[in-house]
Amino acid sequence: MTDTQHERLRALLLYLLGCLVFSTGAYLFIRSNLGTDPLDAFALGLKEHITITVGLAQAAVAVVCLGLSALWNRHRPLLAPLFTFFLCGSVIDLLMWTEPAGRLGADGPVLLAPATLLCAYGSALIILGGFGIRPIDVLAITMTRKWRWPFWAAKGLIEVALMTTGLLLGGPVGAGTVCFLVGVDVLIQPLLHLNVRYLGLPNLGLPEHTLRPADAT
């Protein structure tokens, strides 16, 4: 196997592992019944006012994020992130069907800490792999490149807008939503740094300067 093939295989494995880890965290957020992530809060709130499915509402947000990123970077819209939506959604459906948390007797607030950590680490692995990065993260990465913002600030701005709109529309905003917004968005960047520096994983998705804030000054 050539170095290029080895690197591609490594990136694919990071992506698949990231999708699995993120989906497990998202399932735990749903199972906690304490509020969904900002994107779902927006989608469910919108569903209260117009005839639309959650999947279509999420897809619309994905298209907007990918479209803005494409226009900003002057390239064709990425398609791989849409596959990530399908893959993660399928894993979440499987977990909700098998209910592993229910079998363990886990419920409520006890699920929020592992849910936050898993979603953050899963997002970090997907970004490191550089393939199929989630649409909101794609736009946030573009913002870090164009404005030299920290990744957490760019992603947080997008998701605060989604959460606020979802709240105004009557979406399920709760403690889980706040944990996702604060915990996941803040943890992704340090987890990227730890994986690159201490585990030697490739960083194919996020500009290196965002992992070393002191170097950007």
C-alpha atoms as a PDB file:
ATOM      1  CA  MET A   1       0.000   0.000   0.000  1.00  0.00           C
ATOM      2  CA  THR A   2       1.389   3.405  -0.999  1.00  0.00           C
ATOM      3  CA  ASP A   3       1.617   6.344   1.403  1.00  0.00           C
ATOM      4  CA  THR A   4      -1.273   8.043  -0.419  1.00  0.00           C
ATOM      5  CA  GLN A   5      -3.489   4.967  -0.152  1.00  0.00           C
ATOM      6  CA  HIS A   6      -2.582   4.581   3.513  1.00  0.00           C
ATOM      7  CA  GLU A   7      -3.502   8.219   4.178  1.00  0.00           C
ATOM      8  CA  ARG A   8      -6.848   7.842   2.397  1.00  0.00           C
ATOM      9  CA  LEU A   9      -7.667   4.688   4.352  1.00  0.00           C
ATOM     10  CA  ARG A  10      -6.759   6.422   7.597  1.00  0.00           C
ATOM     11  CA  ALA A  11      -8.981   9.380   6.741  1.00  0.00           C
ATOM     12  CA  LEU A  12     -11.899   7.067   5.846  1.00  0.00           C
ATOM     13  CA  LEU A  13     -11.555   5.174   9.131  1.00  0.00           C
ATOM     14  CA  LEU A  14     -11.509   8.449  11.074  1.00  0.00           C
ATOM     15  CA  TYR A  15     -14.655   9.534   9.245  1.00  0.00           C
ATOM     16  CA  LEU A  16     -16.559   6.298   9.876  1.00  0.00           C
ATOM     17  CA  LEU A  17     -15.510   6.162  13.522  1.00  0.00           C
ATOM     18  CA  GLY A  18     -16.481   9.817  13.908  1.00  0.00           C
ATOM     19  CA  CYS A  19     -19.960   9.177  12.475  1.00  0.00           C
ATOM     20  CA  LEU A  20     -20.479   6.254  14.855  1.00  0.00           C
ATOM     21  CA  VAL A  21     -19.287   8.189  17.910  1.00  0.00           C
ATOM     22  CA  PHE A  22     -21.292  11.320  17.025  1.00  0.00           C
ATOM     23  CA  SER A  23     -24.470   9.320  16.356  1.00  0.00           C
ATOM     24  CA  THR A  24     -24.163   7.586  19.719  1.00  0.00           C
ATOM     25  CA  GLY A  25     -23.925  10.948  21.442  1.00  0.00           C
ATOM     26  CA  ALA A  26     -26.899  12.317  19.498  1.00  0.00           C
ATOM     27  CA  TYR A  27     -28.925   9.253  20.491  1.00  0.00           C
ATOM     28  CA  LEU A  28     -28.103   9.864  24.166  1.00  0.00           C
ATOM     29  CA  PHE A  29     -29.264  13.475  23.852  1.00  0.00           C
ATOM     30  CA  ILE A  30     -32.574  12.265  22.413  1.00  0.00           C
ATOM     31  CA  ARG A  31     -32.880   9.549  25.088  1.00  0.00           C
ATOM     32  CA  SER A  32     -32.371  12.103  27.885  1.00  0.00           C
ATOM     33  CA  ASN A  33     -35.614  13.929  26.955  1.00  0.00           C
ATOM     34  CA  LEU A  34     -34.028  17.187  28.125  1.00  0.00           C
ATOM     35  CA  GLY A  35     -33.902  19.058  24.831  1.00  0.00           C
ATOM     36  CA  THR A  36     -32.405  18.367  21.437  1.00  0.00           C
ATOM     37  CA  ASP A  37     -29.383  19.867  19.697  1.00  0.00           C
ATOM     38  CA  PRO A  38     -29.883  23.345  18.129  1.00  0.00           C
ATOM     39  CA  LEU A  39     -30.446  21.992  14.613  1.00  0.00           C
ATOM     40  CA  ASP A  40     -33.191  19.625  15.747  1.00  0.00           C
ATOM     41  CA  ALA A  41     -34.707  22.345  17.927  1.00  0.00           C
ATOM     42  CA  PHE A  42     -34.977  24.553  14.837  1.00  0.00           C
ATOM     43  CA  ALA A  43     -36.340  21.736  12.670  1.00  0.00           C
ATOM     44  CA  LEU A  44     -38.983  20.689  15.206  1.00  0.00           C
ATOM     45  CA  GLY A  45     -39.965  24.305  15.835  1.00  0.00           C
ATOM     46  CA  LEU A  46     -40.368  24.941  12.113  1.00  0.00           C
ATOM     47  CA  LYS A  47     -42.474  21.796  11.868  1.00  0.00           C
ATOM     48  CA  GLU A  48     -44.968  23.387  14.262  1.00  0.00           C
ATOM     49  CA  HIS A  49     -45.754  26.119  11.720  1.00  0.00           C
ATOM     50  CA  ILE A  50     -45.449  24.605   8.249  1.00  0.00           C
ATOM     51  CA  THR A  51     -45.954  21.186   6.717  1.00  0.00           C
ATOM     52  CA  ILE A  52     -42.441  19.830   6.644  1.00  0.00           C
ATOM     53  CA  THR A  53     -40.568  16.825   7.991  1.00  0.00           C
ATOM     54  CA  VAL A  54     -37.618  17.102  10.353  1.00  0.00           C
ATOM     55  CA  GLY A  55     -35.418  15.524   7.705  1.00  0.00           C
ATOM     56  CA  LEU A  56     -36.406  18.092   5.082  1.00  0.00           C
ATOM     57  CA  ALA A  57     -35.885  20.968   7.520  1.00  0.00           C
ATOM     58  CA  GLN A  58     -32.415  19.662   8.375  1.00  0.00           C
ATOM     59  CA  ALA A  59     -31.634  19.149   4.698  1.00  0.00           C
ATOM     60  CA  ALA A  60     -32.658  22.770   3.999  1.00  0.00           C
ATOM     61  CA  VAL A  61     -30.246  24.020   6.671  1.00  0.00           C
ATOM     62  CA  ALA A  62     -27.529  21.765   5.220  1.00  0.00           C
ATOM     63  CA  VAL A  63     -28.078  23.129   1.711  1.00  0.00           C
ATOM     64  CA  VAL A  64     -27.927  26.726   2.972  1.00  0.00           C
ATOM     65  CA  CYS A  65     -24.685  26.081   4.904  1.00  0.00           C
ATOM     66  CA  LEU A  66     -23.035  24.268   1.989  1.00  0.00           C
ATOM     67  CA  GLY A  67     -24.269  26.879  -0.488  1.00  0.00           C
ATOM     68  CA  LEU A  68     -22.914  29.796   1.558  1.00  0.00           C
ATOM     69  CA  SER A  69     -19.583  28.025   1.982  1.00  0.00           C
ATOM     70  CA  ALA A  70     -19.384  27.288  -1.766  1.00  0.00           C
ATOM     71  CA  LEU A  71     -20.146  30.904  -2.710  1.00  0.00           C
ATOM     72  CA  TRP A  72     -17.666  32.205  -0.150  1.00  0.00           C
ATOM     73  CA  ASN A  73     -14.898  29.896  -1.357  1.00  0.00           C
ATOM     74  CA  ARG A  74     -15.918  30.090  -5.023  1.00  0.00           C
ATOM     75  CA  HIS A  75     -16.113  26.354  -5.599  1.00  0.00           C
ATOM     76  CA  ARG A  76     -18.808  23.784  -6.244  1.00  0.00           C
ATOM     77  CA  PRO A  77     -20.942  22.758  -3.225  1.00  0.00           C
ATOM     78  CA  LEU A  78     -19.714  19.697  -1.363  1.00  0.00           C
ATOM     79  CA  LEU A  79     -21.915  16.606  -1.563  1.00  0.00           C
ATOM     80  CA  ALA A  80     -20.231  14.301   0.975  1.00  0.00           C
ATOM     81  CA  PRO A  81     -21.762  16.142   3.986  1.00  0.00           C
ATOM     82  CA  LEU A  82     -25.227  15.145   2.747  1.00  0.00           C
ATOM     83  CA  PHE A  83     -24.139  11.491   2.899  1.00  0.00           C
ATOM     84  CA  THR A  84     -23.036  12.088   6.484  1.00  0.00           C
ATOM     85  CA  PHE A  85     -26.572  13.235   7.309  1.00  0.00           C
ATOM     86  CA  PHE A  86     -27.927   9.952   5.933  1.00  0.00           C
ATOM     87  CA  LEU A  87     -25.306   7.776   7.637  1.00  0.00           C
ATOM     88  CA  CYS A  88     -25.587   9.391  11.063  1.00  0.00           C
ATOM     89  CA  GLY A  89     -29.377   9.419  10.846  1.00  0.00           C
ATOM     90  CA  SER A  90     -29.406   5.704  10.063  1.00  0.00           C
ATOM     91  CA  VAL A  91     -27.146   4.908  13.025  1.00  0.00           C
ATOM     92  CA  ILE A  92     -29.345   7.003  15.335  1.00  0.00           C
ATOM     93  CA  ASP A  93     -32.452   5.167  14.069  1.00  0.00           C
ATOM     94  CA  LEU A  94     -30.741   1.829  14.760  1.00  0.00           C
ATOM     95  CA  LEU A  95     -29.803   2.887  18.286  1.00  0.00           C
ATOM     96  CA  MET A  96     -33.325   4.134  18.991  1.00  0.00           C
ATOM     97  CA  TRP A  97     -34.684   0.798  17.774  1.00  0.00           C
ATOM     98  CA  THR A  98     -32.306  -1.321  19.881  1.00  0.00           C
ATOM     99  CA  GLU A  99     -32.392   1.088  22.886  1.00  0.00           C
ATOM    100  CA  PRO A 100     -29.030   0.205  24.511  1.00  0.00           C
ATOM    101  CA  ALA A 101     -29.393   3.026  27.061  1.00  0.00           C
ATOM    102  CA  GLY A 102     -32.768   1.667  28.151  1.00  0.00           C
ATOM    103  CA  ARG A 103     -31.310  -1.795  28.636  1.00  0.00           C
ATOM    104  CA  LEU A 104     -28.676  -0.304  30.931  1.00  0.00           C
ATOM    105  CA  GLY A 105     -31.281   1.653  32.864  1.00  0.00           C
ATOM    106  CA  ALA A 106     -29.692   4.997  31.962  1.00  0.00           C
ATOM    107  CA  ASP A 107     -32.003   7.981  31.602  1.00  0.00           C
ATOM    108  CA  GLY A 108     -32.350  11.734  32.118  1.00  0.00           C
ATOM    109  CA  PRO A 109     -29.525  14.051  33.235  1.00  0.00           C
ATOM    110  CA  VAL A 110     -27.022  11.210  33.691  1.00  0.00           C
ATOM    111  CA  LEU A 111     -26.855  10.915  29.888  1.00  0.00           C
ATOM    112  CA  LEU A 112     -25.915  14.544  29.198  1.00  0.00           C
ATOM    113  CA  ALA A 113     -22.208  14.313  30.081  1.00  0.00           C
ATOM    114  CA  PRO A 114     -21.436  11.260  27.900  1.00  0.00           C
ATOM    115  CA  ALA A 115     -23.694  12.629  25.146  1.00  0.00           C
ATOM    116  CA  THR A 116     -21.758  15.922  25.092  1.00  0.00           C
ATOM    117  CA  LEU A 117     -18.353  14.223  25.073  1.00  0.00           C
ATOM    118  CA  LEU A 118     -19.321  11.720  22.367  1.00  0.00           C
ATOM    119  CA  CYS A 119     -20.817  14.361  20.043  1.00  0.00           C
ATOM    120  CA  ALA A 120     -17.752  16.587  20.482  1.00  0.00           C
ATOM    121  CA  TYR A 121     -15.261  13.776  19.897  1.00  0.00           C
ATOM    122  CA  GLY A 122     -17.234  12.377  16.968  1.00  0.00           C
ATOM    123  CA  SER A 123     -17.330  15.813  15.328  1.00  0.00           C
ATOM    124  CA  ALA A 124     -13.571  16.182  15.879  1.00  0.00           C
ATOM    125  CA  LEU A 125     -12.832  12.826  14.226  1.00  0.00           C
ATOM    126  CA  ILE A 126     -14.994  13.660  11.207  1.00  0.00           C
ATOM    127  CA  ILE A 127     -13.227  17.004  10.795  1.00  0.00           C
ATOM    128  CA  LEU A 128      -9.784  15.399  11.136  1.00  0.00           C
ATOM    129  CA  GLY A 129     -10.668  12.916   8.392  1.00  0.00           C
ATOM    130  CA  GLY A 130     -11.549  15.807   6.087  1.00  0.00           C
ATOM    131  CA  PHE A 131     -14.390  13.894   4.385  1.00  0.00           C
ATOM    132  CA  GLY A 132     -18.115  14.397   4.816  1.00  0.00           C
ATOM    133  CA  ILE A 133     -17.703  17.158   7.407  1.00  0.00           C
ATOM    134  CA  ARG A 134     -21.137  18.099   8.772  1.00  0.00           C
ATOM    135  CA  PRO A 135     -22.644  21.101   6.893  1.00  0.00           C
ATOM    136  CA  ILE A 136     -22.707  23.432   9.901  1.00  0.00           C
ATOM    137  CA  ASP A 137     -19.055  22.581  10.566  1.00  0.00           C
ATOM    138  CA  VAL A 138     -18.223  23.212   6.892  1.00  0.00           C
ATOM    139  CA  LEU A 139     -19.570  26.751   7.169  1.00  0.00           C
ATOM    140  CA  ALA A 140     -17.871  27.253  10.554  1.00  0.00           C
ATOM    141  CA  ILE A 141     -14.524  26.131   9.095  1.00  0.00           C
ATOM    142  CA  THR A 142     -14.966  28.625   6.240  1.00  0.00           C
ATOM    143  CA  MET A 143     -15.564  31.358   8.827  1.00  0.00           C
ATOM    144  CA  THR A 144     -12.354  30.414  10.665  1.00  0.00           C
ATOM    145  CA  ARG A 145     -10.397  30.614   7.422  1.00  0.00           C
ATOM    146  CA  LYS A 146     -11.887  33.900   6.259  1.00  0.00           C
ATOM    147  CA  TRP A 147     -12.176  35.743   9.567  1.00  0.00           C
ATOM    148  CA  ARG A 148      -9.466  33.980  11.622  1.00  0.00           C
ATOM    149  CA  TRP A 149     -12.047  33.209  14.292  1.00  0.00           C
ATOM    150  CA  PRO A 150     -11.694  30.310  16.732  1.00  0.00           C
ATOM    151  CA  PHE A 151     -13.724  27.357  15.502  1.00  0.00           C
ATOM    152  CA  TRP A 152     -15.901  27.310  18.630  1.00  0.00           C
ATOM    153  CA  ALA A 153     -16.917  30.945  18.091  1.00  0.00           C
ATOM    154  CA  ALA A 154     -17.883  30.405  14.453  1.00  0.00           C
ATOM    155  CA  LYS A 155     -19.820  27.220  15.148  1.00  0.00           C
ATOM    156  CA  GLY A 156     -21.390  28.743  18.250  1.00  0.00           C
ATOM    157  CA  LEU A 157     -22.669  31.757  16.304  1.00  0.00           C
ATOM    158  CA  ILE A 158     -24.446  29.497  13.793  1.00  0.00           C
ATOM    159  CA  GLU A 159     -25.960  27.254  16.440  1.00  0.00           C
ATOM    160  CA  VAL A 160     -27.047  30.110  18.719  1.00  0.00           C
ATOM    161  CA  ALA A 161     -28.977  31.454  15.726  1.00  0.00           C
ATOM    162  CA  LEU A 162     -30.577  28.034  15.168  1.00  0.00           C
ATOM    163  CA  MET A 163     -31.373  27.591  18.871  1.00  0.00           C
ATOM    164  CA  THR A 164     -32.868  31.069  19.228  1.00  0.00           C
ATOM    165  CA  THR A 165     -35.002  30.644  16.129  1.00  0.00           C
ATOM    166  CA  GLY A 166     -36.074  27.196  17.301  1.00  0.00           C
ATOM    167  CA  LEU A 167     -37.041  28.587  20.703  1.00  0.00           C
ATOM    168  CA  LEU A 168     -39.115  31.351  19.124  1.00  0.00           C
ATOM    169  CA  LEU A 169     -40.831  28.769  16.904  1.00  0.00           C
ATOM    170  CA  GLY A 170     -41.666  26.556  19.874  1.00  0.00           C
ATOM    171  CA  GLY A 171     -38.961  23.931  19.403  1.00  0.00           C
ATOM    172  CA  PRO A 172     -37.778  21.650  22.254  1.00  0.00           C
ATOM    173  CA  VAL A 173     -35.027  23.797  23.764  1.00  0.00           C
ATOM    174  CA  GLY A 174     -33.862  22.625  27.182  1.00  0.00           C
ATOM    175  CA  ALA A 175     -30.864  21.703  29.315  1.00  0.00           C
ATOM    176  CA  GLY A 176     -29.720  19.236  26.677  1.00  0.00           C
ATOM    177  CA  THR A 177     -29.721  21.964  24.027  1.00  0.00           C
ATOM    178  CA  VAL A 178     -27.567  24.214  26.207  1.00  0.00           C
ATOM    179  CA  CYS A 179     -25.187  21.329  26.986  1.00  0.00           C
ATOM    180  CA  PHE A 180     -24.827  20.634  23.272  1.00  0.00           C
ATOM    181  CA  LEU A 181     -24.330  24.302  22.393  1.00  0.00           C
ATOM    182  CA  VAL A 182     -21.802  25.040  25.133  1.00  0.00           C
ATOM    183  CA  GLY A 183     -20.156  21.674  25.688  1.00  0.00           C
ATOM    184  CA  VAL A 184     -19.858  20.323  22.152  1.00  0.00           C
ATOM    185  CA  ASP A 185     -18.907  23.604  20.500  1.00  0.00           C
ATOM    186  CA  VAL A 186     -16.249  24.382  23.130  1.00  0.00           C
ATOM    187  CA  LEU A 187     -14.775  20.864  23.280  1.00  0.00           C
ATOM    188  CA  ILE A 188     -14.288  20.215  19.555  1.00  0.00           C
ATOM    189  CA  GLN A 189     -11.269  22.494  19.133  1.00  0.00           C
ATOM    190  CA  PRO A 190      -9.322  21.186  22.186  1.00  0.00           C
ATOM    191  CA  LEU A 191     -10.080  17.600  21.106  1.00  0.00           C
ATOM    192  CA  LEU A 192      -8.726  18.355  17.641  1.00  0.00           C
ATOM    193  CA  HIS A 193      -5.546  19.703  19.209  1.00  0.00           C
ATOM    194  CA  LEU A 194      -5.122  16.694  21.514  1.00  0.00           C
ATOM    195  CA  ASN A 195      -5.622  14.201  18.702  1.00  0.00           C
ATOM    196  CA  VAL A 196      -3.159  15.954  16.410  1.00  0.00           C
ATOM    197  CA  ARG A 197      -0.493  16.604  19.028  1.00  0.00           C
ATOM    198  CA  TYR A 198      -0.615  13.470  21.186  1.00  0.00           C
ATOM    199  CA  LEU A 199      -2.117  10.783  18.942  1.00  0.00           C
ATOM    200  CA  GLY A 200      -0.479  11.962  15.729  1.00  0.00           C
ATOM    201  CA  LEU A 201      -3.728  11.922  13.760  1.00  0.00           C
ATOM    202  CA  PRO A 202      -3.870  13.886  10.478  1.00  0.00           C
ATOM    203  CA  ASN A 203      -5.690  17.192  10.387  1.00  0.00           C
ATOM    204  CA  LEU A 204      -7.293  17.288   6.957  1.00  0.00           C
ATOM    205  CA  GLY A 205     -10.309  19.439   7.731  1.00  0.00           C
ATOM    206  CA  LEU A 206      -9.519  22.416   9.969  1.00  0.00           C
ATOM    207  CA  PRO A 207      -6.848  25.100   9.458  1.00  0.00           C
ATOM    208  CA  GLU A 208      -3.867  24.440  11.711  1.00  0.00           C
ATOM    209  CA  HIS A 209      -3.755  28.040  12.968  1.00  0.00           C
ATOM    210  CA  THR A 210      -7.058  27.524  14.801  1.00  0.00           C
ATOM    211  CA  LEU A 211      -5.421  24.829  16.910  1.00  0.00           C
ATOM    212  CA  ARG A 212      -2.684  27.239  18.014  1.00  0.00           C
ATOM    213  CA  PRO A 213      -4.433  30.549  18.896  1.00  0.00           C
ATOM    214  CA  ALA A 214      -1.163  32.119  20.056  1.00  0.00           C
ATOM    215  CA  ASP A 215       0.328  31.720  16.592  1.00  0.00           C
ATOM    216  CA  ALA A 216      -2.473  33.680  14.983  1.00  0.00           C
ATOM    217  CA  THR A 217      -1.705  36.876  16.881  1.00  0.00           C
END
